[in-house]
Amino acid sequence: MQLVLIILNFVLVSPISSEFATHKFYVSTTEVKYKKENNTLQITSQFFIDDLEQLLQKSEGSLRLDPDSNIKLIDSLLERELKKSLKFSINNELKNYTYLGREYKNDILLCYLELQFQETPKILYVKNTFFFDIFDEQQNIIHFKSEKIRKSFLLHSEKNTATIKLNN
């Protein structure tokens, strides 16, 4: 009888636990800080390392992160993917930002970016399509902070742009 209960427990619980083990959240987070005194946006994007490896391996099959298999190549591919998927427009004009570097924290990769501009923008558009082409459930969170404004946005494949009015 005890053997039957163990087998029955295994048969009933195994599919449930394996379903939980394979379920995964697909999310990235980007924090954008507006520094009025410097006329800059300080940007930090966070990605799960395994998701990022999967994305970068589409163009470089044997690539490994943490530990890096090729530092220069990883920086080059990462900067390319960032410029392709994370875009900033100020006053309806697409702006270039500078890739400053990256660091690993546990299973997360943090990327540091900076965007400088001449005058205070009226409207900032942030478009983030990172991972949308490989994960249907991908969501990208944008946290915006300035001296007067704190807003968060949830972006997904059907709504991939956040609009932030800075002259409130």
Protein backbone atom coordinates (compact mmCIF):
# COMPACT_ATOMS: atom_id res chain seq x y z
CA MET A 1 0.00 0.00 0.00
CA GLN A 2 2.79 2.42 0.88
CA LEU A 3 4.51 1.67 -2.44
CA VAL A 4 1.26 2.44 -4.29
CA LEU A 5 0.99 5.81 -2.49
CA ILE A 6 4.59 6.69 -3.35
CA ILE A 7 4.07 5.82 -7.01
CA LEU A 8 0.73 7.67 -7.13
CA ASN A 9 2.33 10.72 -5.48
CA PHE A 10 5.19 10.64 -7.99
CA VAL A 11 2.83 10.33 -10.97
CA LEU A 12 0.55 13.15 -9.80
CA VAL A 13 3.18 15.60 -8.50
CA SER A 14 5.93 15.17 -11.12
CA PRO A 15 4.05 16.80 -14.01
CA ILE A 16 3.10 19.74 -11.79
CA SER A 17 6.60 20.30 -10.45
CA SER A 18 8.21 19.93 -13.89
CA GLU A 19 5.76 22.50 -15.25
CA PHE A 20 6.87 24.96 -12.57
CA ALA A 21 10.52 24.19 -13.23
CA THR A 22 10.23 25.03 -16.96
CA HIS A 23 8.05 28.10 -16.50
CA LYS A 24 10.14 31.23 -16.81
CA PHE A 25 9.51 34.94 -16.64
CA TYR A 26 10.87 36.96 -19.54
CA VAL A 27 11.57 40.45 -18.26
CA SER A 28 14.25 43.12 -18.47
CA THR A 29 14.48 46.32 -16.49
CA THR A 30 15.88 49.66 -17.60
CA GLU A 31 16.33 52.54 -15.21
CA VAL A 32 16.61 55.99 -16.77
CA LYS A 33 17.78 58.84 -14.52
CA TYR A 34 17.51 62.37 -15.84
CA LYS A 35 20.29 64.56 -14.41
CA LYS A 36 19.27 68.14 -15.18
CA GLU A 37 22.54 69.62 -13.87
CA ASN A 38 24.54 67.58 -16.44
CA ASN A 39 21.89 67.44 -19.20
CA THR A 40 22.25 63.67 -19.27
CA LEU A 41 20.26 60.51 -19.07
CA GLN A 42 22.06 57.87 -17.02
CA ILE A 43 20.73 54.50 -18.14
CA THR A 44 21.14 51.09 -16.54
CA SER A 45 19.63 48.05 -18.28
CA GLN A 46 19.40 44.67 -16.57
CA PHE A 47 19.11 41.35 -18.40
CA PHE A 48 19.15 37.73 -17.31
CA ILE A 49 22.47 36.28 -18.46
CA ASP A 50 20.98 33.11 -19.95
CA ASP A 51 18.46 35.11 -22.02
CA LEU A 52 21.20 37.41 -23.24
CA GLU A 53 23.44 34.47 -24.13
CA GLN A 54 20.61 33.00 -26.18
CA LEU A 55 20.17 36.30 -28.05
CA LEU A 56 23.88 36.85 -28.70
CA GLN A 57 24.44 33.23 -29.74
CA LYS A 58 22.17 33.84 -32.72
CA SER A 59 25.10 35.64 -34.35
CA GLU A 60 27.98 34.00 -32.46
CA GLY A 61 27.15 30.38 -31.65
CA SER A 62 29.79 29.50 -29.05
CA LEU A 63 29.58 32.70 -27.04
CA ARG A 64 29.54 32.42 -23.22
CA LEU A 65 28.91 35.06 -20.57
CA ASP A 66 30.09 35.08 -16.96
CA PRO A 67 32.85 34.07 -17.42
CA ASP A 68 33.25 35.83 -20.74
CA SER A 69 34.49 33.78 -23.65
CA ASN A 70 35.57 36.87 -25.64
CA ILE A 71 35.34 40.28 -23.92
CA LYS A 72 35.76 42.49 -27.02
CA LEU A 73 33.32 40.46 -29.10
CA ILE A 74 30.74 40.41 -26.30
CA ASP A 75 30.97 44.19 -25.85
CA SER A 76 30.63 44.69 -29.60
CA LEU A 77 27.61 42.37 -29.94
CA LEU A 78 25.99 43.75 -26.81
CA GLU A 79 26.38 47.35 -27.96
CA ARG A 80 24.93 46.41 -31.37
CA GLU A 81 21.90 44.71 -29.78
CA LEU A 82 21.35 47.62 -27.41
CA LYS A 83 21.45 50.18 -30.25
CA LYS A 84 19.06 48.00 -32.27
CA SER A 85 16.51 47.43 -29.50
CA LEU A 86 16.77 50.31 -27.00
CA LYS A 87 16.09 53.70 -28.56
CA PHE A 88 15.66 57.18 -27.15
CA SER A 89 14.00 60.06 -28.94
CA ILE A 90 13.98 63.58 -27.61
CA ASN A 91 11.61 66.15 -29.08
CA ASN A 92 10.85 63.62 -31.86
CA GLU A 93 14.53 63.19 -32.81
CA LEU A 94 16.34 59.85 -32.40
CA LYS A 95 19.38 60.27 -30.14
CA ASN A 96 22.58 58.26 -29.90
CA TYR A 97 23.85 57.18 -26.51
CA THR A 98 27.22 55.97 -25.31
CA TYR A 99 27.79 52.40 -24.15
CA LEU A 100 29.88 52.79 -20.99
CA GLY A 101 30.29 49.16 -19.97
CA ARG A 102 28.77 46.25 -18.13
CA GLU A 103 29.04 44.12 -15.02
CA TYR A 104 27.67 40.84 -13.71
CA LYS A 105 25.67 40.50 -10.51
CA ASN A 106 24.55 36.96 -9.77
CA ASP A 107 22.54 35.84 -12.83
CA ILE A 108 22.02 39.41 -14.09
CA LEU A 109 24.05 41.49 -16.53
CA LEU A 110 23.92 45.26 -15.97
CA CYS A 111 24.69 47.54 -18.93
CA TYR A 112 25.56 51.19 -18.37
CA LEU A 113 24.71 53.84 -20.97
CA GLU A 114 24.69 57.61 -21.10
CA LEU A 115 22.90 60.08 -23.34
CA GLN A 116 23.92 63.73 -23.36
CA PHE A 117 21.96 66.61 -24.84
CA GLN A 118 22.19 70.38 -25.14
CA GLU A 119 18.93 71.53 -23.55
CA THR A 120 16.18 70.10 -21.40
CA PRO A 121 13.94 67.93 -23.57
CA LYS A 122 10.18 68.48 -23.53
CA ILE A 123 9.23 64.91 -24.36
CA LEU A 124 11.28 61.74 -24.08
CA TYR A 125 10.32 58.57 -25.94
CA VAL A 126 11.88 55.30 -24.83
CA LYS A 127 11.45 52.32 -27.13
CA ASN A 128 12.56 48.92 -25.87
CA THR A 129 12.10 45.86 -28.09
CA PHE A 130 14.81 43.77 -26.42
CA PHE A 131 14.12 40.00 -26.76
CA PHE A 132 10.76 40.54 -28.52
CA ASP A 133 12.00 38.53 -31.50
CA ILE A 134 12.87 35.47 -29.40
CA PHE A 135 10.42 35.42 -26.45
CA ASP A 136 6.68 35.89 -27.06
CA GLU A 137 6.07 36.63 -23.35
CA GLN A 138 8.88 39.21 -23.06
CA GLN A 139 8.16 42.33 -21.01
CA ASN A 140 10.49 45.28 -20.57
CA ILE A 141 10.10 47.56 -17.59
CA ILE A 142 11.24 51.17 -17.78
CA HIS A 143 11.74 53.11 -14.53
CA PHE A 144 12.19 56.84 -15.10
CA LYS A 145 13.49 59.13 -12.35
CA SER A 146 14.21 62.83 -12.28
CA GLU A 147 14.14 65.54 -9.67
CA LYS A 148 10.35 65.91 -10.01
CA ILE A 149 9.15 62.79 -11.85
CA ARG A 150 9.06 59.10 -11.00
CA LYS A 151 7.25 56.86 -13.44
CA SER A 152 7.33 53.22 -14.45
CA PHE A 153 6.19 51.67 -17.72
CA LEU A 154 5.57 48.07 -18.74
CA LEU A 155 6.44 47.52 -22.39
CA HIS A 156 5.57 44.45 -24.46
CA SER A 157 5.37 43.51 -28.12
CA GLU A 158 2.10 45.38 -28.66
CA LYS A 159 3.20 48.50 -26.74
CA ASN A 160 6.93 48.99 -27.02
CA THR A 161 7.32 52.74 -26.38
CA ALA A 162 7.00 54.90 -23.26
CA THR A 163 6.32 58.63 -23.51
CA ILE A 164 7.60 60.87 -20.73
CA LYS A 165 6.74 64.56 -20.55
CA LEU A 166 9.56 66.37 -18.78
CA ASN A 167 8.21 69.92 -18.61
CA ASN A 168 5.30 69.36 -16.22
